[in-house]
Structures are given as structure tokens and as C-alpha cells.
Amino acid sequence: MTKEDLVNQVATRSKLPKIRIAAALDLFLSEVSDALARQEKVEIRRFGVFDVSVRQAHVARNLNANGEIRLSDRIMPRFVPFTAFKDRVLTPDIPSDKGNTKTADKITVPPASPPKTPVPRIETLERQVASERENADARLLLIDLYIESDRYAEALPHCRAGLGIDLRSLELLNRQGRISEQTGIFDQALQAYDQAVNFHPSHVESLLNRGRMRSQTGRYAEAEQDFRRALEIDPSKTLAVLQCGLLYTRRGLYLRALQEFERAWELDPSSPEACFNLGKTYDHLERHDEAIRQFETLVVLQPDHPRPYWHLGMLYNKKKMGEKALKMYQQSNRLSTLKKGNDRT
């Protein structure tokens, strides 16, 4: 069962919006993944249960061949959400902190806040777009405001309406792709990025967006072609080099990933993402001293972020430096708590 299947199952059974379900599920999976990476015991309670039903073997008719075919037993898992999961989905503000370290059984649902009053700027733009349907600038601004407010369902129709006015709008196509991607509709996201690249094959942003989407859906060879094409157009594009490195990491090709991350670090020594991924790759290759140097540099670049301290703690622990490891873990936990508190205020 894929993430999209799970979101659809929960939406069908609970009648909750898919956007909120996907956001809650992303947070939940991130928390569990982080806990497992820290080798913590994970106990999941009160979110729901997977129920499995079996569809017995039966005979069906193949309409194309006008014949009968026999279908074997089919196991069909489905997710039955508990009340805590529904409450989590309905919470107005689901935090987007990817560094959150609590597992699902420790999640506390904040009290529901009163609905926010509509932003006058959005209402003004809505009236302007309704009266001036060919005003592409106003429509783009309205789409951006919808995205900032997580109102993806309202943004998407404006993307499509804008494309009807100006089929050559790369900005609208990429916005449509990002909205579909954020709401878990990956096929529509890829279709929008395809249209953008087909219209302008040398548009670097469109190539990177399509390559990233292809990489996430396992189309690695095509993704690499997009990233390489973007680098041919702009050899100094650090993001394209980073995406190549992440692609190789997903495939387990750490030596090739290392070359890309080293190149990204050379292009932009102030890039936290280049520094972070280079350190992680050194760690994968058991080059611990070099990994420590990278994460110590990342502490300078991101002194208030918990992730470099956590990775330093793991590396010091591997080198039997218990006291230093403990200090790093404590600092990481302290910053995680502060960051979580700031996100909630």
C-alpha cells in the first residue's frame, strides 16, 4: 500500500480532507523515522490499525478479449483511523518541523483555536481576479497567497484557469506541480512539470522540479538526465549538483554521491545542505574523522539547529568518546525542545 493509497483509504472512511491527512501522515512518519534512526524503541498507539480483508477467488469477464479469467485470492489492507488520528488531522496547525523526535504515542493534540479571519489581501485579489480574468499578475499573486496559507484546494483551480489564459506560463505550471506534489497527487505534479519542460526545454527550475519528482517516484535514469541537463545549462547550479547526490544516495551509490556533494560544497561553502549531506555520506563510508569535521562546520553554519549536534553525538559515540557524545545529544535535545516550542507559538 502506497502513501497515496493510505491517504485515500483514510479520507474515504473518515470523510476528512486529504490535505490534512497527508500532512499528519508526513509528520507521523517523520517522527517514527527519526526515532528509529536514533535506535529508540517505537511504540505506536491510538492512531489506528491496519485491517486486512480477503477477496476470494472468483471468475471475471475480460471485456477486451470477451472471455473469462480466473482471479486468485486477493489480500486488501485498509487503514482504520482511531479518534486520535482524526483529531490530529483536524488540528488547525500541524507543525512542519522535520526534526521532531517524539513518536506517535507521545503526540499531544493542542486545543482547537478559533478560525482565523480571512486575510483582506486575499479577498481583494479574489475580487480583482474575478473581474479581470486575464490579469495574470494578480492571479499569480493570489496563488502564492493561497499556498502560503496552505489553501491548496483553492490555489489549484486558479493555476488551471491561468493556463487557459496563457498556456506558456512556466510559473503557473511549476506552481501547479508544487501544489499537486504537496498534496500527494504525484502523477498530476509530474504532468505539470512535463508540460513546463516541453514548452521550455532549457528552463532550469522546471528541469530540477521534474527530476526531483522522477527521483522520488523511482525513475532514476530519467531524473539523472534532467539534473545533468540543468547542469549543462548552468554548471554553477548548486541545487542541481545536490539533487544528483541525493539521487545516488537513494540508489545506495555512496561513492558517486560523495563526488556530487563534494562538488556542491566547493561551489557553495556556505550551503548547510551541501555540508550536511557531505557529512552524512562520509559517515556512510565510515570516514568518521572527515564526517566529524563536516558536522563541526555545520554547527558554525547552523548553531541553533539540532541536527549537527545529533550527528556529532553519534559519531563521537562510534569513536568511544562518551562524554563528548553525551554533550552533543543533550544540546540537540535542548535545541529540539526550543524549536518545537517556537513552532507552536
Protein backbone atom coordinates (compact mmCIF):
# COMPACT_ATOMS: atom_id res chain seq x y z
CA MET A 1 0.00 0.00 0.00
CA THR A 2 1.45 3.37 -1.03
CA LYS A 3 1.15 6.63 0.87
CA GLU A 4 -1.42 7.86 -1.65
CA ASP A 5 -3.48 4.68 -1.17
CA LEU A 6 -3.36 5.15 2.59
CA VAL A 7 -4.47 8.78 2.34
CA ASN A 8 -7.34 7.79 0.05
CA GLN A 9 -8.44 4.98 2.40
CA VAL A 10 -8.45 7.28 5.43
CA ALA A 11 -10.29 10.00 3.52
CA THR A 12 -12.95 7.54 2.36
CA ARG A 13 -13.56 6.09 5.79
CA SER A 14 -13.22 9.24 7.90
CA LYS A 15 -14.58 11.90 5.48
CA LEU A 16 -11.61 14.13 6.36
CA PRO A 17 -9.76 16.33 3.81
CA LYS A 18 -6.88 14.58 2.04
CA ILE A 19 -4.56 17.56 2.50
CA ARG A 20 -4.82 17.39 6.29
CA ILE A 21 -4.47 13.61 6.29
CA ALA A 22 -1.30 13.76 4.16
CA ALA A 23 0.21 16.45 6.40
CA ALA A 24 -0.50 14.46 9.56
CA LEU A 25 0.85 11.28 7.99
CA ASP A 26 4.06 13.00 6.85
CA LEU A 27 4.68 14.30 10.35
CA PHE A 28 3.92 10.91 11.89
CA LEU A 29 6.26 9.05 9.51
CA SER A 30 8.99 11.64 10.06
CA GLU A 31 8.77 11.21 13.83
CA VAL A 32 8.92 7.42 13.59
CA SER A 33 11.83 7.52 11.11
CA ASP A 34 13.82 9.90 13.30
CA ALA A 35 13.18 7.73 16.36
CA LEU A 36 14.32 4.60 14.52
CA ALA A 37 17.45 6.39 13.29
CA ARG A 38 18.25 7.13 16.91
CA GLN A 39 17.75 3.42 17.71
CA GLU A 40 14.90 4.27 20.05
CA LYS A 41 12.08 1.88 20.84
CA VAL A 42 8.96 2.94 18.97
CA GLU A 43 5.52 2.08 20.30
CA ILE A 44 2.59 3.32 18.22
CA ARG A 45 -0.76 3.70 19.94
CA ARG A 46 -4.12 5.33 19.39
CA PHE A 47 -3.55 6.28 15.74
CA GLY A 48 -5.33 3.40 14.08
CA VAL A 49 -4.98 -0.15 12.89
CA PHE A 50 -4.49 -1.95 9.60
CA ASP A 51 -7.39 -4.26 8.90
CA VAL A 52 -6.95 -6.92 6.23
CA SER A 53 -9.79 -8.41 4.25
CA VAL A 54 -9.51 -11.17 1.68
CA ARG A 55 -11.40 -11.16 -1.57
CA GLN A 56 -11.97 -14.77 -2.50
CA ALA A 57 -11.01 -16.19 -5.86
CA HIS A 58 -13.66 -15.63 -8.48
CA VAL A 59 -14.27 -15.61 -12.21
CA ALA A 60 -14.44 -12.27 -14.03
CA ARG A 61 -15.01 -11.33 -17.64
CA ASN A 62 -12.26 -9.78 -19.73
CA LEU A 63 -14.16 -7.24 -21.82
CA ASN A 64 -11.23 -6.70 -24.20
CA ALA A 65 -10.86 -10.38 -25.11
CA ASN A 66 -14.53 -11.22 -24.49
CA GLY A 67 -13.56 -14.17 -22.33
CA GLU A 68 -13.46 -15.30 -18.75
CA ILE A 69 -10.45 -15.06 -16.45
CA ARG A 70 -9.98 -16.57 -13.01
CA LEU A 71 -8.74 -14.22 -10.29
CA SER A 72 -6.96 -15.66 -7.27
CA ASP A 73 -7.44 -14.65 -3.64
CA ARG A 74 -6.57 -11.02 -3.09
CA ILE A 75 -5.47 -9.52 0.22
CA MET A 76 -6.71 -5.94 0.63
CA PRO A 77 -5.27 -3.99 3.59
CA ARG A 78 -7.03 -0.86 4.74
CA PHE A 79 -6.29 1.64 7.47
CA VAL A 80 -8.94 2.18 10.14
CA PRO A 81 -8.23 5.51 11.87
CA PHE A 82 -8.80 5.91 15.59
CA THR A 83 -10.09 9.08 17.22
CA ALA A 84 -6.58 10.39 17.97
CA PHE A 85 -5.67 10.27 14.28
CA LYS A 86 -8.85 12.12 13.31
CA ASP A 87 -8.15 14.76 15.97
CA ARG A 88 -4.62 15.11 14.66
CA VAL A 89 -5.83 15.63 11.09
CA LEU A 90 -8.39 18.19 12.19
CA THR A 91 -5.85 20.18 14.22
CA PRO A 92 -5.63 23.62 12.54
CA ASP A 93 -1.83 23.93 12.67
CA ILE A 94 0.14 20.74 12.10
CA PRO A 95 3.82 21.60 12.69
CA SER A 96 6.16 21.05 9.75
CA ASP A 97 9.32 20.57 11.83
CA LYS A 98 11.18 17.66 10.25
CA GLY A 99 13.44 17.46 13.27
CA ASN A 100 10.63 16.49 15.63
CA THR A 101 11.78 13.48 17.67
CA LYS A 102 8.65 12.37 19.54
CA THR A 103 6.94 9.19 18.45
CA ALA A 104 3.24 8.94 17.77
CA ASP A 105 2.24 7.76 21.22
CA LYS A 106 3.65 10.94 22.76
CA ILE A 107 1.94 13.37 20.42
CA THR A 108 -0.33 15.81 22.22
CA VAL A 109 -3.12 17.44 20.29
CA PRO A 110 -3.28 21.19 21.02
CA PRO A 111 -6.71 22.68 21.72
CA ALA A 112 -8.58 23.84 18.66
CA SER A 113 -8.03 27.51 18.01
CA PRO A 114 -10.78 29.79 16.73
CA PRO A 115 -10.92 30.08 12.92
CA LYS A 116 -8.68 32.77 11.54
CA THR A 117 -10.34 35.73 9.94
CA PRO A 118 -9.85 35.88 6.16
CA VAL A 119 -6.88 37.91 5.03
CA PRO A 120 -8.25 41.05 3.36
CA ARG A 121 -5.48 40.91 0.79
CA ILE A 122 -6.70 37.53 -0.42
CA GLU A 123 -10.29 38.75 -0.60
CA THR A 124 -9.20 41.83 -2.55
CA LEU A 125 -7.25 39.72 -5.03
CA GLU A 126 -10.14 37.29 -5.41
CA ARG A 127 -12.42 40.15 -6.41
CA GLN A 128 -9.78 41.53 -8.77
CA VAL A 129 -9.21 38.16 -10.46
CA ALA A 130 -12.97 37.63 -10.79
CA SER A 131 -13.39 40.99 -12.52
CA GLU A 132 -10.12 40.90 -14.52
CA ARG A 133 -9.85 37.29 -15.66
CA GLU A 134 -6.86 37.97 -17.92
CA ASN A 135 -4.79 39.68 -15.23
CA ALA A 136 -2.04 37.04 -14.92
CA ASP A 137 -0.02 39.00 -12.33
CA ALA A 138 -2.95 39.23 -9.91
CA ARG A 139 -3.70 35.54 -10.38
CA LEU A 140 -0.09 34.55 -9.68
CA LEU A 141 -0.05 36.63 -6.51
CA LEU A 142 -3.33 35.09 -5.37
CA ILE A 143 -1.95 31.59 -5.96
CA ASP A 144 1.14 32.42 -3.88
CA LEU A 145 -1.03 33.67 -1.01
CA TYR A 146 -3.17 30.53 -1.15
CA ILE A 147 -0.02 28.38 -0.99
CA GLU A 148 1.36 30.38 1.95
CA SER A 149 -1.94 29.79 3.76
CA ASP A 150 -1.95 26.03 2.90
CA ARG A 151 -5.14 26.54 0.87
CA TYR A 152 -4.02 24.25 -1.93
CA ALA A 153 -7.50 23.20 -3.00
CA GLU A 154 -8.32 26.83 -3.80
CA ALA A 155 -4.97 27.51 -5.48
CA LEU A 156 -5.11 24.64 -7.97
CA PRO A 157 -8.18 25.81 -9.96
CA HIS A 158 -6.54 29.21 -10.41
CA CYS A 159 -3.43 27.52 -11.79
CA ARG A 160 -5.55 25.72 -14.36
CA ALA A 161 -7.58 28.84 -15.16
CA GLY A 162 -4.38 30.80 -15.63
CA LEU A 163 -3.06 28.18 -18.01
CA GLY A 164 -6.21 28.60 -20.06
CA ILE A 165 -5.29 32.26 -20.48
CA ASP A 166 -1.57 31.83 -21.04
CA LEU A 167 -0.52 28.30 -21.95
CA ARG A 168 3.10 29.42 -21.93
CA SER A 169 3.20 30.41 -18.28
CA LEU A 170 6.08 28.42 -16.80
CA GLU A 171 5.46 29.94 -13.39
CA LEU A 172 1.90 28.65 -13.32
CA LEU A 173 2.93 25.18 -14.47
CA ASN A 174 5.59 24.92 -11.79
CA ARG A 175 3.19 26.24 -9.15
CA GLN A 176 0.60 23.69 -10.22
CA GLY A 177 3.22 20.96 -9.96
CA ARG A 178 4.31 22.03 -6.48
CA ILE A 179 0.71 22.16 -5.22
CA SER A 180 -0.01 18.67 -6.58
CA GLU A 181 3.26 17.41 -5.09
CA GLN A 182 2.50 18.86 -1.65
CA THR A 183 -0.96 17.31 -1.65
CA GLY A 184 0.38 13.88 -2.65
CA ILE A 185 -1.01 13.84 -6.22
CA PHE A 186 2.30 12.87 -7.80
CA ASP A 187 1.02 11.94 -11.26
CA GLN A 188 -0.52 15.41 -11.71
CA ALA A 189 2.66 17.03 -10.39
CA LEU A 190 4.77 15.14 -12.91
CA GLN A 191 2.35 16.02 -15.70
CA ALA A 192 2.64 19.74 -14.88
CA TYR A 193 6.45 19.58 -14.81
CA ASP A 194 6.43 17.66 -18.10
CA GLN A 195 4.37 20.42 -19.70
CA ALA A 196 6.75 23.07 -18.38
CA VAL A 197 9.82 21.27 -19.74
CA ASN A 198 8.14 20.53 -23.07
CA PHE A 199 7.38 24.20 -23.53
CA HIS A 200 10.84 25.40 -22.45
CA PRO A 201 13.41 22.54 -22.53
CA SER A 202 16.15 24.82 -21.17
CA HIS A 203 14.27 26.13 -18.13
CA VAL A 204 16.46 25.03 -15.20
CA GLU A 205 13.78 25.26 -12.48
CA SER A 206 11.39 23.08 -14.49
CA LEU A 207 14.11 20.50 -15.14
CA LEU A 208 15.02 20.35 -11.45
CA ASN A 209 11.38 20.05 -10.39
CA ARG A 210 10.72 17.24 -12.84
CA GLY A 211 13.97 15.49 -11.94
CA ARG A 212 13.18 15.66 -8.23
CA MET A 213 9.70 14.25 -8.84
CA ARG A 214 11.06 11.46 -11.05
CA SER A 215 13.66 10.59 -8.42
CA GLN A 216 11.03 10.38 -5.68
CA THR A 217 8.94 8.01 -7.79
CA GLY A 218 11.87 5.72 -8.63
CA ARG A 219 12.52 6.88 -12.21
CA TYR A 220 16.20 7.34 -11.51
CA ALA A 221 17.65 7.27 -15.04
CA GLU A 222 15.22 9.93 -16.28
CA ALA A 223 15.79 12.02 -13.15
CA GLU A 224 19.54 11.96 -13.70
CA GLN A 225 19.04 13.13 -17.29
CA ASP A 226 17.08 16.14 -16.03
CA PHE A 227 19.71 17.04 -13.44
CA ARG A 228 22.56 16.68 -15.96
CA ARG A 229 20.66 18.78 -18.48
CA ALA A 230 20.20 21.51 -15.85
CA LEU A 231 23.94 21.43 -15.12
CA GLU A 232 24.77 21.75 -18.81
CA ILE A 233 22.71 24.93 -18.87
CA ASP A 234 24.04 26.27 -15.55
CA PRO A 235 27.19 24.44 -14.34
CA SER A 236 27.26 26.50 -11.13
CA LYS A 237 23.75 25.47 -10.03
CA THR A 238 24.44 24.03 -6.57
CA LEU A 239 20.90 22.69 -6.21
CA ALA A 240 21.28 20.55 -9.34
CA VAL A 241 24.52 19.03 -8.01
CA LEU A 242 22.86 18.34 -4.66
CA GLN A 243 19.92 16.65 -6.36
CA CYS A 244 22.33 14.38 -8.26
CA GLY A 245 23.97 13.45 -4.96
CA LEU A 246 20.62 12.71 -3.31
CA LEU A 247 19.64 10.58 -6.31
CA TYR A 248 22.78 8.45 -5.95
CA THR A 249 22.19 8.20 -2.19
CA ARG A 250 18.69 6.79 -2.79
CA ARG A 251 20.26 4.18 -5.05
CA GLY A 252 22.94 3.35 -2.47
CA LEU A 253 25.77 4.64 -4.71
CA TYR A 254 27.59 6.47 -1.94
CA LEU A 255 30.92 6.97 -3.73
CA ARG A 256 29.18 8.68 -6.64
CA ALA A 257 27.05 10.66 -4.21
CA LEU A 258 30.21 11.74 -2.39
CA GLN A 259 31.63 13.22 -5.59
CA GLU A 260 28.48 15.27 -6.13
CA PHE A 261 28.29 16.54 -2.55
CA GLU A 262 31.99 17.47 -2.59
CA ARG A 263 31.38 19.41 -5.78
CA ALA A 264 28.34 21.15 -4.27
CA TRP A 265 30.43 22.06 -1.21
CA GLU A 266 33.13 23.53 -3.47
CA LEU A 267 30.53 25.56 -5.38
CA ASP A 268 28.94 26.93 -2.21
CA PRO A 269 30.92 26.51 1.05
CA SER A 270 28.13 28.33 2.90
CA SER A 271 25.43 25.81 1.92
CA PRO A 272 24.14 23.94 5.00
CA GLU A 273 22.57 21.24 2.82
CA ALA A 274 25.83 20.56 0.97
CA CYS A 275 27.70 20.41 4.29
CA PHE A 276 25.08 18.16 5.91
CA ASN A 277 24.84 15.65 3.05
CA LEU A 278 28.62 15.52 2.68
CA GLY A 279 28.94 14.72 6.39
CA LYS A 280 26.26 12.01 6.20
CA THR A 281 27.95 10.42 3.20
CA TYR A 282 31.34 10.39 4.94
CA ASP A 283 29.59 8.64 7.83
CA HIS A 284 28.04 6.04 5.50
CA LEU A 285 31.51 5.34 4.11
CA GLU A 286 32.89 5.08 7.68
CA ARG A 287 35.20 8.05 7.16
CA HIS A 288 34.32 9.27 10.62
CA ASP A 289 37.04 11.90 11.10
CA GLU A 290 36.01 13.68 7.91
CA ALA A 291 32.35 13.38 8.88
CA ILE A 292 33.09 14.97 12.26
CA ARG A 293 34.84 17.89 10.56
CA GLN A 294 31.82 18.45 8.32
CA PHE A 295 29.32 18.45 11.18
CA GLU A 296 31.56 20.72 13.26
CA THR A 297 31.48 23.12 10.31
CA LEU A 298 27.70 22.72 10.14
CA VAL A 299 27.49 23.78 13.80
CA VAL A 300 29.08 27.07 12.74
CA LEU A 301 26.64 27.43 9.83
CA GLN A 302 23.57 26.37 11.84
CA PRO A 303 24.36 26.91 15.55
CA ASP A 304 20.67 26.80 16.53
CA HIS A 305 19.73 23.67 14.57
CA PRO A 306 19.64 20.34 16.45
CA ARG A 307 20.74 18.09 13.58
CA PRO A 308 24.53 18.74 13.52
CA TYR A 309 24.78 18.13 17.27
CA TRP A 310 22.86 14.88 16.99
CA HIS A 311 25.09 13.54 14.22
CA LEU A 312 28.19 14.63 16.12
CA GLY A 313 26.87 12.71 19.12
CA MET A 314 26.50 9.55 17.04
CA LEU A 315 29.98 9.97 15.55
CA TYR A 316 31.63 10.62 18.91
CA ASN A 317 29.83 7.54 20.24
CA LYS A 318 31.25 5.44 17.40
CA LYS A 319 34.73 6.66 18.33
CA LYS A 320 34.18 5.74 22.00
CA MET A 321 34.15 9.39 23.11
CA GLY A 322 31.25 9.02 25.52
CA GLU A 323 31.39 12.37 27.33
CA LYS A 324 31.54 14.42 24.13
CA ALA A 325 28.75 12.33 22.63
CA LEU A 326 26.55 12.93 25.68
CA LYS A 327 27.09 16.70 25.48
CA MET A 328 26.12 16.71 21.81
CA TYR A 329 22.96 14.66 22.45
CA GLN A 330 21.95 16.98 25.29
CA GLN A 331 22.48 20.07 23.13
CA SER A 332 20.50 18.51 20.28
CA ASN A 333 17.60 17.66 22.60
CA ARG A 334 17.64 21.14 24.12
CA LEU A 335 17.51 22.82 20.71
CA SER A 336 14.80 20.43 19.52
CA THR A 337 12.66 21.37 22.52
CA LEU A 338 13.23 25.09 21.91
CA LYS A 339 12.47 24.78 18.21
CA LYS A 340 9.30 22.84 18.90
CA GLY A 341 8.16 25.47 21.39
CA ASN A 342 8.85 28.28 18.91
CA ASP A 343 6.88 26.47 16.20
CA ARG A 344 3.84 26.21 18.46
CA THR A 345 3.85 29.89 19.49
